[in-house]
Amino acid sequence: MLLIGLILFGMIIGAGAQLLLGREHGAIDWTVAIVSGLLGSFVGGLLSSVLAGDGLELRASGLIGSLVGAVIVTAGWRWYVARPRA
């Protein structure tokens, strides 16, 4: 049950990140939403840990940290996909 809750939380946070950055093609990419939401939670937790002076401890963060992390992951993914290939 916890795993389903984490996946749903990641999906909602990832969708929120896509809405903040603007949706591509007018729809939410749910695969990217789930991945960026789950990874974003860890990225946000790591950033809040470093900024708080706790060191490099990987921990789950709160709602705002998760959203900030998901925005970073989603923006990084969009940059990676859109970059010119040589």
N, C-alpha and C. Protein backbone atom coordinates (compact mmCIF):
# COMPACT_ATOMS: atom_id res chain seq x y z
N MET A 1 0.82 -1.18 0.00
CA MET A 1 0.00 0.00 0.00
C MET A 1 0.87 1.25 0.00
N LEU A 2 1.99 1.20 0.72
CA LEU A 2 2.91 2.33 0.77
C LEU A 2 3.50 2.60 -0.61
N LEU A 3 3.82 1.55 -1.34
CA LEU A 3 4.39 1.71 -2.68
C LEU A 3 3.40 2.39 -3.61
N ILE A 4 2.15 2.01 -3.55
CA ILE A 4 1.12 2.65 -4.38
C ILE A 4 0.98 4.12 -4.00
N GLY A 5 1.03 4.42 -2.71
CA GLY A 5 0.96 5.81 -2.26
C GLY A 5 2.14 6.64 -2.75
N LEU A 6 3.34 6.05 -2.70
CA LEU A 6 4.52 6.77 -3.19
C LEU A 6 4.43 7.04 -4.69
N ILE A 7 3.95 6.07 -5.45
CA ILE A 7 3.81 6.25 -6.89
C ILE A 7 2.77 7.32 -7.20
N LEU A 8 1.66 7.30 -6.49
CA LEU A 8 0.63 8.34 -6.71
C LEU A 8 1.15 9.73 -6.31
N PHE A 9 1.88 9.81 -5.19
CA PHE A 9 2.46 11.07 -4.77
C PHE A 9 3.43 11.58 -5.84
N GLY A 10 4.29 10.69 -6.35
CA GLY A 10 5.23 11.06 -7.40
C GLY A 10 4.53 11.53 -8.66
N MET A 11 3.44 10.87 -9.00
CA MET A 11 2.69 11.24 -10.20
C MET A 11 2.08 12.64 -10.05
N ILE A 12 1.53 12.92 -8.89
CA ILE A 12 0.92 14.23 -8.66
C ILE A 12 1.98 15.33 -8.65
N ILE A 13 3.09 15.09 -7.96
CA ILE A 13 4.17 16.08 -7.91
C ILE A 13 4.77 16.30 -9.29
N GLY A 14 4.99 15.23 -10.04
CA GLY A 14 5.54 15.34 -11.40
C GLY A 14 4.60 16.08 -12.34
N ALA A 15 3.30 15.83 -12.21
CA ALA A 15 2.32 16.56 -13.02
C ALA A 15 2.33 18.04 -12.66
N GLY A 16 2.46 18.33 -11.37
CA GLY A 16 2.56 19.74 -10.94
C GLY A 16 3.79 20.42 -11.50
N ALA A 17 4.90 19.70 -11.57
CA ALA A 17 6.13 20.26 -12.14
C ALA A 17 5.93 20.57 -13.63
N GLN A 18 5.26 19.67 -14.34
CA GLN A 18 5.01 19.91 -15.76
C GLN A 18 4.07 21.09 -15.95
N LEU A 19 3.10 21.25 -15.06
CA LEU A 19 2.19 22.39 -15.16
C LEU A 19 2.93 23.70 -14.88
N LEU A 20 3.86 23.69 -13.93
CA LEU A 20 4.64 24.89 -13.64
C LEU A 20 5.56 25.27 -14.80
N LEU A 21 6.15 24.28 -15.45
CA LEU A 21 7.07 24.54 -16.56
C LEU A 21 6.35 24.73 -17.89
N GLY A 22 5.08 24.41 -17.94
CA GLY A 22 4.33 24.49 -19.20
C GLY A 22 4.31 23.12 -19.85
N ARG A 23 3.15 22.72 -20.28
CA ARG A 23 3.00 21.40 -20.88
C ARG A 23 3.42 21.42 -22.33
N GLU A 24 4.11 20.37 -22.72
CA GLU A 24 4.47 20.21 -24.13
C GLU A 24 3.33 19.48 -24.83
N HIS A 25 2.97 19.94 -25.99
CA HIS A 25 1.92 19.34 -26.81
C HIS A 25 0.56 19.33 -26.12
N GLY A 26 0.38 20.17 -25.12
CA GLY A 26 -0.91 20.33 -24.47
C GLY A 26 -1.34 19.21 -23.54
N ALA A 27 -0.49 18.24 -23.27
CA ALA A 27 -0.88 17.13 -22.40
C ALA A 27 0.25 16.83 -21.42
N ILE A 28 -0.09 16.17 -20.35
CA ILE A 28 0.90 15.76 -19.36
C ILE A 28 1.43 14.40 -19.75
N ASP A 29 2.74 14.27 -19.77
CA ASP A 29 3.39 12.98 -20.03
C ASP A 29 3.48 12.26 -18.69
N TRP A 30 2.62 11.27 -18.48
CA TRP A 30 2.50 10.63 -17.18
C TRP A 30 3.72 9.81 -16.81
N THR A 31 4.41 9.24 -17.80
CA THR A 31 5.63 8.49 -17.49
C THR A 31 6.69 9.42 -16.92
N VAL A 32 6.89 10.55 -17.58
CA VAL A 32 7.85 11.54 -17.10
C VAL A 32 7.38 12.11 -15.76
N ALA A 33 6.07 12.26 -15.58
CA ALA A 33 5.53 12.78 -14.32
C ALA A 33 5.86 11.86 -13.15
N ILE A 34 5.69 10.56 -13.33
CA ILE A 34 5.98 9.62 -12.25
C ILE A 34 7.47 9.62 -11.93
N VAL A 35 8.30 9.51 -12.96
CA VAL A 35 9.74 9.44 -12.75
C VAL A 35 10.27 10.74 -12.14
N SER A 36 9.85 11.87 -12.69
CA SER A 36 10.36 13.15 -12.17
C SER A 36 9.83 13.41 -10.76
N GLY A 37 8.62 12.97 -10.46
CA GLY A 37 8.09 13.15 -9.11
C GLY A 37 8.85 12.33 -8.08
N LEU A 38 9.16 11.08 -8.42
CA LEU A 38 9.89 10.22 -7.48
C LEU A 38 11.34 10.67 -7.34
N LEU A 39 12.01 10.94 -8.46
CA LEU A 39 13.39 11.42 -8.39
C LEU A 39 13.47 12.81 -7.79
N GLY A 40 12.48 13.64 -8.11
CA GLY A 40 12.45 15.00 -7.59
C GLY A 40 12.33 15.04 -6.08
N SER A 41 11.66 14.08 -5.50
CA SER A 41 11.56 14.01 -4.05
C SER A 41 12.93 13.80 -3.42
N PHE A 42 13.73 12.94 -4.02
CA PHE A 42 15.07 12.71 -3.49
C PHE A 42 16.00 13.89 -3.77
N VAL A 43 15.88 14.50 -4.96
CA VAL A 43 16.69 15.67 -5.29
C VAL A 43 16.34 16.82 -4.34
N GLY A 44 15.06 17.04 -4.12
CA GLY A 44 14.62 18.09 -3.19
C GLY A 44 15.09 17.83 -1.78
N GLY A 45 15.05 16.57 -1.35
CA GLY A 45 15.54 16.21 -0.02
C GLY A 45 17.03 16.43 0.12
N LEU A 46 17.77 16.10 -0.92
CA LEU A 46 19.22 16.30 -0.90
C LEU A 46 19.56 17.79 -0.86
N LEU A 47 18.86 18.59 -1.67
CA LEU A 47 19.10 20.03 -1.67
C LEU A 47 18.75 20.66 -0.32
N SER A 48 17.63 20.26 0.25
CA SER A 48 17.26 20.84 1.54
C SER A 48 18.24 20.41 2.64
N SER A 49 18.79 19.22 2.52
CA SER A 49 19.80 18.74 3.47
C SER A 49 21.07 19.56 3.37
N VAL A 50 21.51 19.83 2.15
CA VAL A 50 22.75 20.60 1.95
C VAL A 50 22.54 22.04 2.40
N LEU A 51 21.41 22.63 2.04
CA LEU A 51 21.15 24.02 2.41
C LEU A 51 20.96 24.19 3.92
N ALA A 52 20.45 23.16 4.58
CA ALA A 52 20.26 23.24 6.02
C ALA A 52 21.54 22.97 6.79
N GLY A 53 22.59 22.53 6.10
CA GLY A 53 23.86 22.26 6.76
C GLY A 53 23.96 20.87 7.36
N ASP A 54 23.08 19.96 6.94
CA ASP A 54 23.10 18.60 7.47
C ASP A 54 24.09 17.70 6.74
N GLY A 55 24.73 18.21 5.70
CA GLY A 55 25.64 17.38 4.90
C GLY A 55 24.90 16.72 3.75
N LEU A 56 25.53 15.75 3.17
CA LEU A 56 24.95 15.05 2.02
C LEU A 56 24.18 13.81 2.46
N GLU A 57 23.10 14.03 3.16
CA GLU A 57 22.23 12.94 3.58
C GLU A 57 21.07 12.86 2.61
N LEU A 58 20.83 11.69 2.05
CA LEU A 58 19.70 11.50 1.14
C LEU A 58 18.50 11.11 1.98
N ARG A 59 17.47 11.95 1.95
CA ARG A 59 16.27 11.66 2.72
C ARG A 59 15.06 12.18 1.96
N ALA A 60 13.93 11.66 2.31
CA ALA A 60 12.69 12.13 1.68
C ALA A 60 12.41 13.55 2.18
N SER A 61 11.91 14.38 1.29
CA SER A 61 11.65 15.77 1.67
C SER A 61 10.15 16.01 1.74
N GLY A 62 9.79 17.22 2.07
CA GLY A 62 8.40 17.60 2.16
C GLY A 62 7.82 17.90 0.78
N LEU A 63 6.63 18.40 0.78
CA LEU A 63 5.90 18.69 -0.45
C LEU A 63 6.61 19.73 -1.30
N ILE A 64 7.06 20.81 -0.70
CA ILE A 64 7.71 21.89 -1.46
C ILE A 64 9.05 21.43 -2.00
N GLY A 65 9.84 20.74 -1.18
CA GLY A 65 11.11 20.22 -1.65
C GLY A 65 10.94 19.22 -2.77
N SER A 66 9.91 18.39 -2.69
CA SER A 66 9.63 17.43 -3.75
C SER A 66 9.27 18.14 -5.05
N LEU A 67 8.45 19.18 -4.94
CA LEU A 67 8.05 19.93 -6.13
C LEU A 67 9.23 20.64 -6.76
N VAL A 68 10.09 21.25 -5.95
CA VAL A 68 11.28 21.92 -6.48
C VAL A 68 12.20 20.90 -7.15
N GLY A 69 12.39 19.75 -6.52
CA GLY A 69 13.21 18.71 -7.11
C GLY A 69 12.62 18.19 -8.41
N ALA A 70 11.30 18.02 -8.46
CA ALA A 70 10.64 17.55 -9.68
C ALA A 70 10.76 18.57 -10.80
N VAL A 71 10.69 19.85 -10.47
CA VAL A 71 10.88 20.89 -11.49
C VAL A 71 12.29 20.82 -12.05
N ILE A 72 13.29 20.61 -11.18
CA ILE A 72 14.68 20.50 -11.63
C ILE A 72 14.86 19.28 -12.53
N VAL A 73 14.31 18.14 -12.12
CA VAL A 73 14.43 16.91 -12.91
C VAL A 73 13.71 17.05 -14.25
N THR A 74 12.50 17.63 -14.24
CA THR A 74 11.74 17.80 -15.48
C THR A 74 12.44 18.77 -16.43
N ALA A 75 12.95 19.87 -15.90
CA ALA A 75 13.67 20.84 -16.74
C ALA A 75 14.94 20.20 -17.32
N GLY A 76 15.65 19.42 -16.51
CA GLY A 76 16.83 18.72 -17.01
C GLY A 76 16.49 17.72 -18.10
N TRP A 77 15.38 17.00 -17.92
CA TRP A 77 14.96 16.03 -18.94
C TRP A 77 14.59 16.75 -20.24
N ARG A 78 13.86 17.84 -20.13
CA ARG A 78 13.47 18.59 -21.35
C ARG A 78 14.70 19.15 -22.05
N TRP A 79 15.69 19.61 -21.29
CA TRP A 79 16.93 20.10 -21.89
C TRP A 79 17.65 18.97 -22.61
N TYR A 80 17.72 17.81 -21.97
CA TYR A 80 18.41 16.66 -22.56
C TYR A 80 17.75 16.21 -23.85
N VAL A 81 16.43 16.18 -23.88
CA VAL A 81 15.71 15.74 -25.07
C VAL A 81 15.81 16.77 -26.20
N ALA A 82 15.81 18.06 -25.85
CA ALA A 82 15.78 19.12 -26.86
C ALA A 82 17.15 19.55 -27.36
N ARG A 83 18.22 19.07 -26.73
CA ARG A 83 19.56 19.53 -27.13
C ARG A 83 19.90 19.02 -28.53
N PRO A 84 20.66 19.81 -29.27
CA PRO A 84 21.05 19.38 -30.62
C PRO A 84 22.02 18.21 -30.55
N ARG A 85 21.82 17.28 -31.43
CA ARG A 85 22.70 16.10 -31.47
C ARG A 85 23.70 16.25 -32.60
N ALA A 86 24.93 15.87 -32.31
CA ALA A 86 25.99 16.00 -33.31
C ALA A 86 26.18 14.71 -34.08
